[in-house]
Every structure is written in C-alpha cells, then in structure tokens.
Amino acid sequence: MKDGKEQPATGRKHHRQNGHQKPFVPPRQPKFEGKCDGLKGHIYDCSDARQSDLYTKTTKEIAEYVGRTFTHYGGDVRLAVENLEVPTFVEPTDPPVEATLTQREIWKKMCA
C-alpha cells in the first residue's frame, strides 16, 4: 500500500478478486490397488498411456500368482492365463493287458 491507495493484487489472488476462480477439482480418489494382497498393484488399468505395458505385466503376474497358489494343476492354469487359451492334454495310453501289477502301479504314478 503506497500513499494510502491499495495496489492491485498479483498472481492468483488477483484473479480471484476479479471474479475468476479456478474450476473445482474434486479430491483425488486413492488408486485402486486390487483386492488380493498377493497381487497388490497389479491391475488392469485402461486410463494410462502405458496401458499395453501394464496389461502384459499384470497378466504375467496373475499367471505366476495362480501357478504359486493353486494346489491342483496350478502350472496348467498358469499356462492357460499366460497364453490366453486352454491347453490341450494328451491322454495316456492304457497299460498293456499283460502288464504286471508293478507295471500298472508305475503307470498310475506316471499318469497322475
């Protein structure tokens, strides 16, 4: 203030005093991190410019997580997630009719 006169404000205050206010920006929502603790931060997000990289990394992480945590056929499910197709399984041939009991048990263990 010089000589009792008010000086015009500068910067942001000046704009607000002239009736120009910034548009209302709602507070940012916390970024969704996922519900599963084992996959925290690995989500499919289509709002980012890096979405193709995120898709690849997330798919790989989900496949590894499934392979680690599924107790039955986790490796097969992991491959299905990685390749995005159901794997085809080759059915084993039956043991010969003349196979001994030991050979049949060995066959069961190999095919299980």
Protein backbone atom coordinates (compact mmCIF):
# COMPACT_ATOMS: atom_id res chain seq x y z
CA MET A 1 0.00 0.00 0.00
CA LYS A 2 1.54 3.28 -1.09
CA ASP A 3 0.12 6.68 -0.29
CA GLY A 4 -2.98 5.11 1.27
CA LYS A 5 -4.07 3.56 -2.02
CA GLU A 6 -4.48 -0.17 -2.48
CA GLN A 7 -2.21 -1.77 -5.03
CA PRO A 8 -3.76 -4.32 -7.39
CA ALA A 9 -3.02 -7.86 -6.27
CA THR A 10 -0.84 -10.05 -8.41
CA GLY A 11 -0.83 -13.74 -9.17
CA ARG A 12 -3.65 -16.00 -8.07
CA LYS A 13 -5.21 -13.61 -5.62
CA HIS A 14 -5.62 -11.05 -8.36
CA HIS A 15 -7.61 -13.48 -10.48
CA ARG A 16 -9.88 -14.46 -7.63
CA GLN A 17 -10.56 -10.85 -6.75
CA ASN A 18 -11.65 -10.16 -10.30
CA GLY A 19 -14.19 -12.97 -10.19
CA HIS A 20 -12.03 -15.54 -11.94
CA GLN A 21 -11.82 -18.66 -9.86
CA LYS A 22 -10.17 -21.91 -10.70
CA PRO A 23 -12.63 -24.65 -11.58
CA PHE A 24 -13.47 -27.02 -8.77
CA VAL A 25 -11.24 -30.07 -8.82
CA PRO A 26 -12.57 -32.90 -6.66
CA PRO A 27 -10.06 -34.54 -4.34
CA ARG A 28 -8.24 -37.46 -5.92
CA GLN A 29 -9.57 -40.88 -5.14
CA PRO A 30 -6.94 -43.31 -3.94
CA LYS A 31 -5.78 -45.51 -6.81
CA PHE A 32 -7.38 -48.93 -6.85
CA GLU A 33 -4.71 -51.47 -5.91
CA GLY A 34 -6.78 -54.66 -6.13
CA LYS A 35 -8.46 -56.83 -3.54
CA CYS A 36 -5.93 -59.66 -3.36
CA ASP A 37 -2.88 -58.98 -1.20
CA GLY A 38 -0.77 -61.28 -3.36
CA LEU A 39 -1.49 -59.10 -6.40
CA LYS A 40 -1.36 -55.61 -4.86
CA GLY A 41 -0.79 -53.02 -7.54
CA HIS A 42 -1.16 -55.47 -10.43
CA ILE A 43 -4.45 -54.40 -12.00
CA TYR A 44 -5.78 -53.82 -15.49
CA ASP A 45 -5.96 -50.03 -15.92
CA CYS A 46 -7.11 -48.60 -19.24
CA SER A 47 -6.74 -44.96 -18.26
CA ASP A 48 -2.98 -44.75 -18.56
CA ALA A 49 -0.80 -44.16 -21.60
CA ARG A 50 1.26 -47.19 -20.55
CA GLN A 51 -1.76 -49.50 -20.66
CA SER A 52 -0.20 -52.05 -23.03
CA ASP A 53 2.84 -52.47 -20.77
CA LEU A 54 0.62 -52.69 -17.69
CA TYR A 55 -1.57 -55.31 -19.39
CA THR A 56 1.45 -57.50 -20.15
CA LYS A 57 2.95 -57.14 -16.67
CA THR A 58 -0.39 -57.71 -14.93
CA THR A 59 -1.16 -60.82 -16.99
CA LYS A 60 2.28 -62.24 -16.23
CA GLU A 61 1.92 -61.50 -12.51
CA ILE A 62 -1.54 -63.09 -12.36
CA ALA A 63 -0.24 -66.18 -14.16
CA GLU A 64 2.66 -66.52 -11.71
CA TYR A 65 0.34 -65.97 -8.74
CA VAL A 66 -2.05 -68.68 -9.96
CA GLY A 67 0.84 -71.06 -10.53
CA ARG A 68 2.09 -70.45 -6.97
CA THR A 69 -1.21 -70.61 -5.13
CA PHE A 70 -3.35 -73.23 -6.89
CA THR A 71 -2.67 -76.57 -5.26
CA HIS A 72 -4.16 -78.66 -8.07
CA TYR A 73 -2.97 -78.09 -11.63
CA GLY A 74 -1.55 -74.64 -10.86
CA GLY A 75 1.04 -74.98 -13.61
CA ASP A 76 -1.63 -75.81 -16.18
CA VAL A 77 -3.77 -72.86 -15.11
CA ARG A 78 -0.71 -70.60 -15.22
CA LEU A 79 -0.10 -71.60 -18.84
CA ALA A 80 -3.76 -71.00 -19.69
CA VAL A 81 -3.57 -67.46 -18.26
CA GLU A 82 -0.24 -66.67 -19.94
CA ASN A 83 -1.29 -67.96 -23.37
CA LEU A 84 -4.96 -66.99 -23.06
CA GLU A 85 -6.05 -70.42 -24.26
CA VAL A 86 -6.98 -73.67 -22.60
CA PRO A 87 -4.15 -76.16 -23.01
CA THR A 88 -4.86 -79.43 -24.76
CA PHE A 89 -3.89 -82.54 -22.86
CA VAL A 90 -2.76 -85.77 -24.41
CA GLU A 91 -4.46 -88.73 -22.81
CA PRO A 92 -2.03 -91.51 -21.93
CA THR A 93 -2.45 -94.93 -23.48
CA ASP A 94 -3.62 -97.72 -21.23
CA PRO A 95 -1.02 -100.20 -19.99
CA PRO A 96 -0.96 -103.47 -21.88
CA VAL A 97 -3.35 -106.19 -20.71
CA GLU A 98 -0.43 -108.47 -19.82
CA ALA A 99 1.23 -105.78 -17.60
CA THR A 100 2.22 -106.89 -14.14
CA LEU A 101 0.74 -105.32 -11.01
CA THR A 102 4.00 -103.39 -10.53
CA GLN A 103 3.92 -102.08 -14.09
CA ARG A 104 0.30 -100.97 -13.58
CA GLU A 105 1.25 -99.09 -10.38
CA ILE A 106 4.17 -97.42 -12.17
CA TRP A 107 1.79 -96.44 -14.98
CA LYS A 108 -0.65 -94.92 -12.42
CA LYS A 109 2.12 -92.85 -10.82
CA MET A 110 3.43 -91.58 -14.16
CA CYS A 111 -0.03 -90.59 -15.36
CA ALA A 112 -1.20 -88.96 -12.14
